[in-house]
C-alpha atoms as a PDB file:
ATOM      1  CA  UNK A   1       0.000   0.000   0.000  1.00  0.00           C
ATOM      2  CA  UNK A   2       1.343   3.409  -0.958  1.00  0.00           C
ATOM      3  CA  UNK A   3       1.132   6.413   1.337  1.00  0.00           C
ATOM      4  CA  UNK A   4       0.669  10.034   0.368  1.00  0.00           C
ATOM      5  CA  UNK A   5       2.331  12.798   2.315  1.00  0.00           C
ATOM      6  CA  UNK A   6       0.470  16.075   2.688  1.00  0.00           C
ATOM      7  CA  UNK A   7       1.138  19.227   4.662  1.00  0.00           C
ATOM      8  CA  UNK A   8      -0.459  19.618   8.063  1.00  0.00           C
ATOM      9  CA  UNK A   9      -2.422  22.726   7.036  1.00  0.00           C
ATOM     10  CA  UNK A  10      -3.751  20.932   3.955  1.00  0.00           C
ATOM     11  CA  UNK A  11      -4.814  17.996   6.135  1.00  0.00           C
ATOM     12  CA  UNK A  12      -6.643  20.368   8.486  1.00  0.00           C
ATOM     13  CA  UNK A  13      -8.368  22.015   5.510  1.00  0.00           C
ATOM     14  CA  UNK A  14      -9.481  18.622   4.184  1.00  0.00           C
ATOM     15  CA  UNK A  15     -10.803  17.656   7.616  1.00  0.00           C
ATOM     16  CA  UNK A  16     -12.801  20.909   7.715  1.00  0.00           C
ATOM     17  CA  UNK A  17     -14.231  20.250   4.237  1.00  0.00           C
ATOM     18  CA  UNK A  18     -15.140  16.692   5.264  1.00  0.00           C
ATOM     19  CA  UNK A  19     -16.893  17.960   8.396  1.00  0.00           C
ATOM     20  CA  UNK A  20     -18.795  20.612   6.429  1.00  0.00           C
ATOM     21  CA  UNK A  21     -19.900  18.056   3.860  1.00  0.00           C
ATOM     22  CA  UNK A  22     -21.049  15.726   6.636  1.00  0.00           C
ATOM     23  CA  UNK A  23     -23.090  18.542   8.161  1.00  0.00           C
ATOM     24  CA  UNK A  24     -24.620  19.256   4.749  1.00  0.00           C
ATOM     25  CA  UNK A  25     -25.638  15.616   4.372  1.00  0.00           C
ATOM     26  CA  UNK A  26     -27.205  15.640   7.847  1.00  0.00           C
ATOM     27  CA  UNK A  27     -29.147  18.804   6.977  1.00  0.00           C
ATOM     28  CA  UNK A  28     -30.271  17.301   3.658  1.00  0.00           C
ATOM     29  CA  UNK A  29     -31.563  14.179   5.439  1.00  0.00           C
ATOM     30  CA  UNK A  30     -33.355  16.378   8.005  1.00  0.00           C
ATOM     31  CA  UNK A  31     -34.991  18.460   5.259  1.00  0.00           C
ATOM     32  CA  UNK A  32     -36.033  15.303   3.404  1.00  0.00           C
ATOM     33  CA  UNK A  33     -37.634  13.894   6.560  1.00  0.00           C
ATOM     34  CA  UNK A  34     -39.566  17.121   7.110  1.00  0.00           C
ATOM     35  CA  UNK A  35     -40.823  17.050   3.527  1.00  0.00           C
ATOM     36  CA  UNK A  36     -41.956  13.437   3.940  1.00  0.00           C
ATOM     37  CA  UNK A  37     -43.723  14.249   7.216  1.00  0.00           C
ATOM     38  CA  UNK A  38     -45.518  17.196   5.627  1.00  0.00           C
ATOM     39  CA  UNK A  39     -46.643  15.001   2.737  1.00  0.00           C
ATOM     40  CA  UNK A  40     -47.959  12.381   5.175  1.00  0.00           C
ATOM     41  CA  UNK A  41     -49.851  15.087   7.051  1.00  0.00           C
ATOM     42  CA  UNK A  42     -51.379  16.425   3.830  1.00  0.00           C
ATOM     43  CA  UNK A  43     -52.422  12.968   2.684  1.00  0.00           C
ATOM     44  CA  UNK A  44     -54.092  12.208   6.022  1.00  0.00           C
ATOM     45  CA  UNK A  45     -51.778   9.372   7.012  1.00  0.00           C
ATOM     46  CA  UNK A  46     -51.203  10.949  10.422  1.00  0.00           C
ATOM     47  CA  UNK A  47     -53.437  12.611  12.994  1.00  0.00           C
ATOM     48  CA  UNK A  48     -52.716  15.072  15.771  1.00  0.00           C
ATOM     49  CA  UNK A  49     -52.010  13.890  19.306  1.00  0.00           C
ATOM     50  CA  UNK A  50     -55.122  15.662  20.511  1.00  0.00           C
ATOM     51  CA  UNK A  51     -57.354  13.689  18.120  1.00  0.00           C
ATOM     52  CA  UNK A  52     -55.553  10.465  19.039  1.00  0.00           C
ATOM     53  CA  UNK A  53     -56.082  11.047  22.757  1.00  0.00           C
ATOM     54  CA  UNK A  54     -59.757  11.815  22.187  1.00  0.00           C
ATOM     55  CA  UNK A  55     -60.195   8.598  20.177  1.00  0.00           C
ATOM     56  CA  UNK A  56     -58.482   6.654  22.969  1.00  0.00           C
ATOM     57  CA  UNK A  57     -60.692   8.317  25.543  1.00  0.00           C
ATOM     58  CA  UNK A  58     -57.837   9.992  27.391  1.00  0.00           C
END
């Protein structure tokens, strides 16, 4: 296996880019989940807690 030598400041920059990209992916997943939840709410697949409690008699 070959190794590549890079400068310390370049390594730190790459780590920062990797962290930023990871945060972007987390945000994208979060936004996608919100969009899916909104679609489920619009289509009537979910009900509010208040309605659920009333149906359960609580």
